[in-house]
Amino acid sequence: MSERDSKTRPETANAGYTLTELLVVLVILGLLVGLIAPRFLGQIGKSKPKIAKVQISNLATALDYYQLDTGSYPPPSAGLSALVQAPPNVENWAGPYLKTRKVPLDPWGHPYLYQLDPNGNYIIKSLGADNREGGDGKNADISSAQS
């Protein structure tokens, strides 16, 4: 080999990683993901009921502002959409009462239920992950009557 060849050609003996080194790194990454991901995903599932409680609280506040302006809560026929669009024949509506300008869905992608009890008080409810009355754990109902 001439002097000229040694100056232009880089040394390649130690220039990269071996297949064994790459496999070791991949195994380590796989183990880390296997240990950390279930814990992280478990926390996401636990946060959905908390998100629902916060959203119900925000909807309750908006309903209280609606009631202050109009003198009553929205009729069940208008539902929570009365917070973003004035129902017919309602005076003094000063909304929209939600910053998002649309009624949010619960964390499981279902609409919140809105009812008025016989005393004229509202109930806002999420039916949980299964979208059915009752249930335990992630399927438990979350209601403004509980909070």
N, C-alpha and C. Protein backbone atom coordinates (compact mmCIF):
# COMPACT_ATOMS: atom_id res chain seq x y z
N MET A 1 0.85 -1.16 0.00
CA MET A 1 0.00 0.00 0.00
C MET A 1 0.90 1.22 0.00
N SER A 2 0.54 2.15 -0.81
CA SER A 2 1.36 3.35 -0.94
C SER A 2 1.00 4.35 0.15
N GLU A 3 1.83 5.35 0.29
CA GLU A 3 1.62 6.40 1.28
C GLU A 3 0.35 7.18 0.96
N ARG A 4 0.05 7.37 -0.29
CA ARG A 4 -1.13 8.12 -0.74
C ARG A 4 -2.42 7.39 -0.36
N ASP A 5 -2.49 6.06 -0.47
CA ASP A 5 -3.68 5.29 -0.14
C ASP A 5 -3.99 5.36 1.36
N SER A 6 -3.01 5.35 2.19
CA SER A 6 -3.24 5.36 3.63
C SER A 6 -3.77 6.72 4.11
N LYS A 7 -3.54 7.78 3.39
CA LYS A 7 -4.02 9.10 3.80
C LYS A 7 -5.48 9.32 3.40
N THR A 8 -5.95 8.73 2.31
CA THR A 8 -7.31 8.98 1.82
C THR A 8 -8.31 7.95 2.28
N ARG A 9 -7.90 6.76 2.67
CA ARG A 9 -8.81 5.72 3.08
C ARG A 9 -8.91 5.69 4.61
N PRO A 10 -10.15 5.83 5.19
CA PRO A 10 -10.28 5.81 6.64
C PRO A 10 -10.12 4.40 7.18
N GLU A 11 -9.76 4.32 8.45
CA GLU A 11 -9.64 3.02 9.08
C GLU A 11 -11.04 2.50 9.33
N THR A 12 -11.32 1.28 8.92
CA THR A 12 -12.64 0.70 9.08
C THR A 12 -12.68 -0.44 10.07
N ALA A 13 -11.62 -0.79 10.68
CA ALA A 13 -11.58 -1.93 11.60
C ALA A 13 -12.47 -1.70 12.81
N ASN A 14 -12.50 -0.49 13.38
CA ASN A 14 -13.30 -0.19 14.56
C ASN A 14 -14.33 0.89 14.28
N ALA A 15 -14.85 0.95 13.06
CA ALA A 15 -15.71 2.06 12.67
C ALA A 15 -17.18 1.86 12.99
N GLY A 16 -17.67 0.69 13.38
CA GLY A 16 -19.10 0.48 13.60
C GLY A 16 -19.37 -0.44 14.76
N TYR A 17 -20.65 -0.78 14.91
CA TYR A 17 -21.08 -1.68 15.97
C TYR A 17 -21.26 -3.08 15.37
N THR A 18 -21.03 -4.06 16.20
CA THR A 18 -21.24 -5.42 15.74
C THR A 18 -22.70 -5.79 15.92
N LEU A 19 -23.13 -6.82 15.25
CA LEU A 19 -24.49 -7.30 15.36
C LEU A 19 -24.81 -7.69 16.80
N THR A 20 -23.87 -8.25 17.48
CA THR A 20 -24.06 -8.65 18.89
C THR A 20 -24.31 -7.44 19.77
N GLU A 21 -23.57 -6.37 19.57
CA GLU A 21 -23.77 -5.15 20.37
C GLU A 21 -25.16 -4.57 20.11
N LEU A 22 -25.58 -4.55 18.86
CA LEU A 22 -26.92 -4.03 18.54
C LEU A 22 -28.01 -4.89 19.16
N LEU A 23 -27.85 -6.20 19.14
CA LEU A 23 -28.84 -7.09 19.74
C LEU A 23 -28.92 -6.90 21.25
N VAL A 24 -27.79 -6.69 21.91
CA VAL A 24 -27.78 -6.44 23.35
C VAL A 24 -28.54 -5.16 23.67
N VAL A 25 -28.32 -4.12 22.90
CA VAL A 25 -29.02 -2.85 23.11
C VAL A 25 -30.53 -3.04 22.89
N LEU A 26 -30.91 -3.76 21.86
CA LEU A 26 -32.34 -4.00 21.60
C LEU A 26 -32.98 -4.81 22.73
N VAL A 27 -32.29 -5.79 23.26
CA VAL A 27 -32.82 -6.58 24.38
C VAL A 27 -33.00 -5.69 25.60
N ILE A 28 -32.04 -4.85 25.89
CA ILE A 28 -32.15 -3.94 27.04
C ILE A 28 -33.34 -3.00 26.85
N LEU A 29 -33.49 -2.42 25.67
CA LEU A 29 -34.64 -1.54 25.41
C LEU A 29 -35.95 -2.29 25.54
N GLY A 30 -36.01 -3.51 25.04
CA GLY A 30 -37.22 -4.32 25.17
C GLY A 30 -37.58 -4.59 26.61
N LEU A 31 -36.59 -4.89 27.43
CA LEU A 31 -36.84 -5.11 28.86
C LEU A 31 -37.36 -3.85 29.54
N LEU A 32 -36.77 -2.72 29.22
CA LEU A 32 -37.22 -1.46 29.82
C LEU A 32 -38.66 -1.16 29.43
N VAL A 33 -38.98 -1.32 28.16
CA VAL A 33 -40.36 -1.07 27.71
C VAL A 33 -41.31 -2.05 28.38
N GLY A 34 -40.90 -3.31 28.50
CA GLY A 34 -41.73 -4.32 29.14
C GLY A 34 -42.00 -4.04 30.61
N LEU A 35 -41.08 -3.39 31.28
CA LEU A 35 -41.26 -3.08 32.69
C LEU A 35 -41.99 -1.76 32.91
N ILE A 36 -41.73 -0.78 32.09
CA ILE A 36 -42.27 0.56 32.30
C ILE A 36 -43.65 0.75 31.67
N ALA A 37 -43.87 0.22 30.49
CA ALA A 37 -45.12 0.46 29.76
C ALA A 37 -46.36 0.02 30.54
N PRO A 38 -46.40 -1.16 31.16
CA PRO A 38 -47.61 -1.54 31.90
C PRO A 38 -47.94 -0.58 33.05
N ARG A 39 -46.92 -0.10 33.73
CA ARG A 39 -47.17 0.85 34.82
C ARG A 39 -47.72 2.16 34.28
N PHE A 40 -47.15 2.64 33.18
CA PHE A 40 -47.60 3.89 32.57
C PHE A 40 -49.02 3.75 32.06
N LEU A 41 -49.32 2.67 31.35
CA LEU A 41 -50.66 2.46 30.82
C LEU A 41 -51.69 2.27 31.93
N GLY A 42 -51.26 1.67 33.03
CA GLY A 42 -52.16 1.53 34.17
C GLY A 42 -52.55 2.87 34.76
N GLN A 43 -51.63 3.82 34.78
CA GLN A 43 -51.93 5.15 35.29
C GLN A 43 -52.90 5.89 34.38
N ILE A 44 -52.79 5.66 33.07
CA ILE A 44 -53.72 6.31 32.14
C ILE A 44 -55.14 5.85 32.42
N GLY A 45 -55.33 4.56 32.66
CA GLY A 45 -56.66 4.05 32.95
C GLY A 45 -57.23 4.62 34.24
N LYS A 46 -56.38 4.85 35.23
CA LYS A 46 -56.83 5.40 36.50
C LYS A 46 -57.17 6.89 36.39
N SER A 47 -56.63 7.57 35.41
CA SER A 47 -56.85 9.00 35.30
C SER A 47 -58.18 9.34 34.65
N LYS A 48 -58.77 8.43 33.91
CA LYS A 48 -60.03 8.75 33.22
C LYS A 48 -61.16 9.12 34.17
N PRO A 49 -61.38 8.39 35.27
CA PRO A 49 -62.41 8.85 36.21
C PRO A 49 -62.12 10.24 36.78
N LYS A 50 -60.84 10.54 37.01
CA LYS A 50 -60.48 11.87 37.52
C LYS A 50 -60.79 12.94 36.48
N ILE A 51 -60.51 12.64 35.21
CA ILE A 51 -60.82 13.58 34.13
C ILE A 51 -62.32 13.82 34.07
N ALA A 52 -63.10 12.74 34.18
CA ALA A 52 -64.56 12.87 34.14
C ALA A 52 -65.06 13.76 35.28
N LYS A 53 -64.50 13.59 36.48
CA LYS A 53 -64.92 14.42 37.62
C LYS A 53 -64.61 15.89 37.37
N VAL A 54 -63.45 16.18 36.79
CA VAL A 54 -63.09 17.57 36.51
C VAL A 54 -64.02 18.14 35.43
N GLN A 55 -64.29 17.37 34.38
CA GLN A 55 -65.18 17.86 33.33
C GLN A 55 -66.59 18.09 33.88
N ILE A 56 -67.08 17.19 34.73
CA ILE A 56 -68.40 17.37 35.33
C ILE A 56 -68.41 18.64 36.18
N SER A 57 -67.35 18.88 36.91
CA SER A 57 -67.26 20.10 37.72
C SER A 57 -67.30 21.35 36.83
N ASN A 58 -66.59 21.32 35.70
CA ASN A 58 -66.60 22.46 34.78
C ASN A 58 -67.98 22.65 34.16
N LEU A 59 -68.65 21.56 33.80
CA LEU A 59 -70.00 21.66 33.26
C LEU A 59 -70.96 22.21 34.32
N ALA A 60 -70.78 21.79 35.57
CA ALA A 60 -71.62 22.28 36.66
C ALA A 60 -71.46 23.79 36.84
N THR A 61 -70.23 24.26 36.77
CA THR A 61 -69.98 25.70 36.87
C THR A 61 -70.66 26.45 35.74
N ALA A 62 -70.55 25.91 34.53
CA ALA A 62 -71.19 26.54 33.37
C ALA A 62 -72.71 26.56 33.54
N LEU A 63 -73.28 25.47 34.06
CA LEU A 63 -74.73 25.44 34.31
C LEU A 63 -75.14 26.48 35.35
N ASP A 64 -74.31 26.68 36.35
CA ASP A 64 -74.62 27.69 37.37
C ASP A 64 -74.61 29.09 36.75
N TYR A 65 -73.65 29.37 35.87
CA TYR A 65 -73.64 30.67 35.18
C TYR A 65 -74.88 30.82 34.29
N TYR A 66 -75.25 29.77 33.61
CA TYR A 66 -76.46 29.78 32.78
C TYR A 66 -77.67 30.12 33.64
N GLN A 67 -77.76 29.46 34.81
CA GLN A 67 -78.89 29.69 35.70
C GLN A 67 -78.91 31.11 36.24
N LEU A 68 -77.75 31.68 36.51
CA LEU A 68 -77.70 33.08 36.97
C LEU A 68 -78.22 34.03 35.90
N ASP A 69 -77.89 33.77 34.64
CA ASP A 69 -78.32 34.65 33.55
C ASP A 69 -79.79 34.48 33.19
N THR A 70 -80.27 33.25 33.17
CA THR A 70 -81.61 32.98 32.64
C THR A 70 -82.66 32.75 33.72
N GLY A 71 -82.24 32.49 34.95
CA GLY A 71 -83.19 32.26 36.03
C GLY A 71 -83.54 30.80 36.24
N SER A 72 -83.11 29.91 35.36
CA SER A 72 -83.36 28.47 35.53
C SER A 72 -82.29 27.69 34.78
N TYR A 73 -82.23 26.41 35.09
CA TYR A 73 -81.30 25.54 34.37
C TYR A 73 -81.91 25.16 33.03
N PRO A 74 -81.10 24.74 32.08
CA PRO A 74 -81.66 24.39 30.77
C PRO A 74 -82.65 23.23 30.88
N PRO A 75 -83.67 23.23 30.06
CA PRO A 75 -84.59 22.09 30.08
C PRO A 75 -83.87 20.84 29.58
N PRO A 76 -84.27 19.67 30.06
CA PRO A 76 -83.63 18.43 29.60
C PRO A 76 -83.69 18.26 28.07
N SER A 77 -84.71 18.81 27.44
CA SER A 77 -84.80 18.69 25.97
C SER A 77 -83.67 19.45 25.28
N ALA A 78 -83.20 20.53 25.89
CA ALA A 78 -82.08 21.29 25.32
C ALA A 78 -80.75 20.65 25.71
N GLY A 79 -80.71 20.04 26.89
CA GLY A 79 -79.50 19.37 27.35
C GLY A 79 -78.33 20.32 27.56
N LEU A 80 -77.15 19.74 27.60
CA LEU A 80 -75.94 20.53 27.84
C LEU A 80 -75.56 21.40 26.64
N SER A 81 -76.15 21.13 25.48
CA SER A 81 -75.86 21.98 24.32
C SER A 81 -76.38 23.40 24.53
N ALA A 82 -77.27 23.59 25.51
CA ALA A 82 -77.74 24.93 25.84
C ALA A 82 -76.61 25.80 26.38
N LEU A 83 -75.50 25.18 26.77
CA LEU A 83 -74.36 25.94 27.28
C LEU A 83 -73.56 26.59 26.15
N VAL A 84 -73.72 26.10 24.94
CA VAL A 84 -72.97 26.65 23.81
C VAL A 84 -73.85 27.29 22.74
N GLN A 85 -75.14 26.97 22.77
CA GLN A 85 -76.08 27.55 21.80
C GLN A 85 -77.40 27.83 22.52
N ALA A 86 -77.90 29.03 22.35
CA ALA A 86 -79.11 29.43 23.06
C ALA A 86 -80.31 28.58 22.64
N PRO A 87 -81.00 28.01 23.61
CA PRO A 87 -82.23 27.29 23.27
C PRO A 87 -83.32 28.28 22.87
N PRO A 88 -84.31 27.83 22.12
CA PRO A 88 -85.38 28.74 21.73
C PRO A 88 -86.18 29.22 22.96
N ASN A 89 -86.65 30.44 22.88
CA ASN A 89 -87.51 31.04 23.90
C ASN A 89 -86.84 31.20 25.26
N VAL A 90 -85.52 31.38 25.29
CA VAL A 90 -84.81 31.62 26.54
C VAL A 90 -84.29 33.05 26.51
N GLU A 91 -84.73 33.81 27.51
CA GLU A 91 -84.31 35.21 27.59
C GLU A 91 -83.04 35.33 28.43
N ASN A 92 -82.27 36.36 28.15
CA ASN A 92 -81.06 36.72 28.90
C ASN A 92 -79.93 35.69 28.77
N TRP A 93 -79.97 34.83 27.76
CA TRP A 93 -78.87 33.88 27.54
C TRP A 93 -77.65 34.70 27.15
N ALA A 94 -76.55 34.53 27.85
CA ALA A 94 -75.35 35.33 27.60
C ALA A 94 -74.15 34.44 27.29
N GLY A 95 -74.40 33.27 26.74
CA GLY A 95 -73.33 32.30 26.48
C GLY A 95 -72.57 32.62 25.22
N PRO A 96 -71.73 31.77 24.77
CA PRO A 96 -71.54 30.41 25.27
C PRO A 96 -70.85 30.39 26.64
N TYR A 97 -71.20 29.39 27.41
CA TYR A 97 -70.71 29.28 28.78
C TYR A 97 -69.50 28.35 28.91
N LEU A 98 -69.09 27.74 27.81
CA LEU A 98 -67.92 26.88 27.80
C LEU A 98 -66.84 27.50 26.93
N LYS A 99 -65.60 27.48 27.38
CA LYS A 99 -64.50 28.04 26.60
C LYS A 99 -64.28 27.28 25.30
N THR A 100 -64.53 25.98 25.31
CA THR A 100 -64.29 25.16 24.12
C THR A 100 -65.36 25.37 23.05
N ARG A 101 -66.45 26.00 23.41
CA ARG A 101 -67.57 26.27 22.51
C ARG A 101 -68.20 25.00 21.94
N LYS A 102 -67.92 23.88 22.61
CA LYS A 102 -68.64 22.64 22.33
C LYS A 102 -68.65 21.82 23.61
N VAL A 103 -69.68 21.02 23.76
CA VAL A 103 -69.81 20.21 24.97
C VAL A 103 -68.85 19.03 24.84
N PRO A 104 -67.99 18.85 25.83
CA PRO A 104 -67.03 17.74 25.74
C PRO A 104 -67.71 16.39 25.91
N LEU A 105 -67.08 15.38 25.35
CA LEU A 105 -67.49 14.00 25.61
C LEU A 105 -66.76 13.52 26.86
N ASP A 106 -67.28 12.49 27.49
CA ASP A 106 -66.57 11.95 28.65
C ASP A 106 -65.27 11.28 28.18
N PRO A 107 -64.37 10.93 29.07
CA PRO A 107 -63.08 10.37 28.65
C PRO A 107 -63.17 9.09 27.83
N TRP A 108 -64.32 8.43 27.85
CA TRP A 108 -64.51 7.20 27.07
C TRP A 108 -65.21 7.47 25.74
N GLY A 109 -65.42 8.75 25.43
CA GLY A 109 -65.98 9.13 24.13
C GLY A 109 -67.50 9.14 24.07
N HIS A 110 -68.17 9.14 25.22
CA HIS A 110 -69.63 9.15 25.26
C HIS A 110 -70.13 10.51 25.74
N PRO A 111 -71.32 10.93 25.31
CA PRO A 111 -71.84 12.21 25.81
C PRO A 111 -72.23 12.11 27.29
N TYR A 112 -72.07 13.21 27.98
CA TYR A 112 -72.54 13.26 29.37
C TYR A 112 -74.06 13.31 29.38
N LEU A 113 -74.65 12.68 30.39
CA LEU A 113 -76.10 12.72 30.56
C LEU A 113 -76.45 13.92 31.44
N TYR A 114 -77.55 14.58 31.10
CA TYR A 114 -78.00 15.75 31.87
C TYR A 114 -79.45 15.54 32.23
N GLN A 115 -79.77 15.70 33.51
CA GLN A 115 -81.14 15.55 33.98
C GLN A 115 -81.44 16.63 35.00
N LEU A 116 -82.73 16.92 35.15
CA LEU A 116 -83.18 17.78 36.24
C LEU A 116 -83.99 16.90 37.20
N ASP A 117 -83.70 17.01 38.50
CA ASP A 117 -84.48 16.24 39.47
C ASP A 117 -85.77 17.00 39.78
N PRO A 118 -86.69 16.41 40.52
CA PRO A 118 -87.97 17.07 40.82
C PRO A 118 -87.84 18.40 41.55
N ASN A 119 -86.72 18.63 42.22
CA ASN A 119 -86.50 19.89 42.93
C ASN A 119 -85.91 20.97 42.04
N GLY A 120 -85.66 20.65 40.77
CA GLY A 120 -85.08 21.62 39.85
C GLY A 120 -83.56 21.67 39.86
N ASN A 121 -82.93 20.73 40.54
CA ASN A 121 -81.47 20.65 40.56
C ASN A 121 -80.99 19.74 39.44
N TYR A 122 -79.82 20.03 38.91
CA TYR A 122 -79.31 19.24 37.81
C TYR A 122 -78.47 18.06 38.29
N ILE A 123 -78.38 17.07 37.42
CA ILE A 123 -77.48 15.94 37.61
C ILE A 123 -76.75 15.75 36.29
N ILE A 124 -75.43 15.76 36.34
CA ILE A 124 -74.59 15.47 35.17
C ILE A 124 -73.93 14.14 35.45
N LYS A 125 -73.96 13.25 34.47
CA LYS A 125 -73.49 11.89 34.73
C LYS A 125 -72.73 11.32 33.54
N SER A 126 -71.67 10.58 33.86
CA SER A 126 -70.98 9.73 32.89
C SER A 126 -71.23 8.29 33.32
N LEU A 127 -71.52 7.43 32.37
CA LEU A 127 -71.80 6.04 32.69
C LEU A 127 -70.56 5.17 32.72
N GLY A 128 -69.39 5.77 32.64
CA GLY A 128 -68.14 5.01 32.72
C GLY A 128 -67.77 4.36 31.40
N ALA A 129 -66.80 3.48 31.46
CA ALA A 129 -66.24 2.87 30.25
C ALA A 129 -67.25 2.02 29.50
N ASP A 130 -68.16 1.34 30.22
CA ASP A 130 -69.11 0.45 29.55
C ASP A 130 -70.35 1.18 29.04
N ASN A 131 -70.53 2.45 29.40
CA ASN A 131 -71.67 3.27 28.98
C ASN A 131 -73.00 2.63 29.37
N ARG A 132 -73.03 2.01 30.56
CA ARG A 132 -74.24 1.39 31.11
C ARG A 132 -74.41 1.83 32.55
N GLU A 133 -75.64 1.87 33.02
CA GLU A 133 -75.92 2.22 34.41
C GLU A 133 -75.22 1.24 35.34
N GLY A 134 -74.71 1.75 36.45
CA GLY A 134 -74.05 0.90 37.45
C GLY A 134 -72.65 0.51 37.02
N GLY A 135 -72.11 -0.44 37.71
CA GLY A 135 -70.77 -0.93 37.38
C GLY A 135 -69.77 -0.61 38.47
N ASP A 136 -68.62 -1.27 38.37
CA ASP A 136 -67.54 -1.09 39.32
C ASP A 136 -66.27 -0.72 38.57
N GLY A 137 -65.30 -0.17 39.30
CA GLY A 137 -64.01 0.15 38.70
C GLY A 137 -64.15 1.14 37.57
N LYS A 138 -63.55 0.81 36.42
CA LYS A 138 -63.60 1.72 35.28
C LYS A 138 -65.00 1.84 34.68
N ASN A 139 -65.90 0.90 35.02
CA ASN A 139 -67.27 0.93 34.53
C ASN A 139 -68.23 1.68 35.46
N ALA A 140 -67.73 2.18 36.58
CA ALA A 140 -68.58 2.86 37.56
C ALA A 140 -69.09 4.19 37.00
N ASP A 141 -70.32 4.51 37.39
CA ASP A 141 -70.90 5.79 37.01
C ASP A 141 -70.24 6.91 37.81
N ILE A 142 -70.13 8.06 37.19
CA ILE A 142 -69.59 9.25 37.85
C ILE A 142 -70.64 10.33 37.70
N SER A 143 -71.05 10.93 38.80
CA SER A 143 -72.16 11.86 38.77
C SER A 143 -71.86 13.12 39.56
N SER A 144 -72.50 14.22 39.15
CA SER A 144 -72.35 15.47 39.91
C SER A 144 -73.02 15.34 41.27
N ALA A 145 -73.94 14.42 41.44
CA ALA A 145 -74.59 14.20 42.73
C ALA A 145 -73.60 13.63 43.73
N GLN A 146 -72.52 12.96 43.25
CA GLN A 146 -71.50 12.38 44.13
C GLN A 146 -70.43 13.39 44.49
N SER A 147 -70.21 14.37 43.59
CA SER A 147 -69.08 15.27 43.81
C SER A 147 -69.39 16.50 44.58
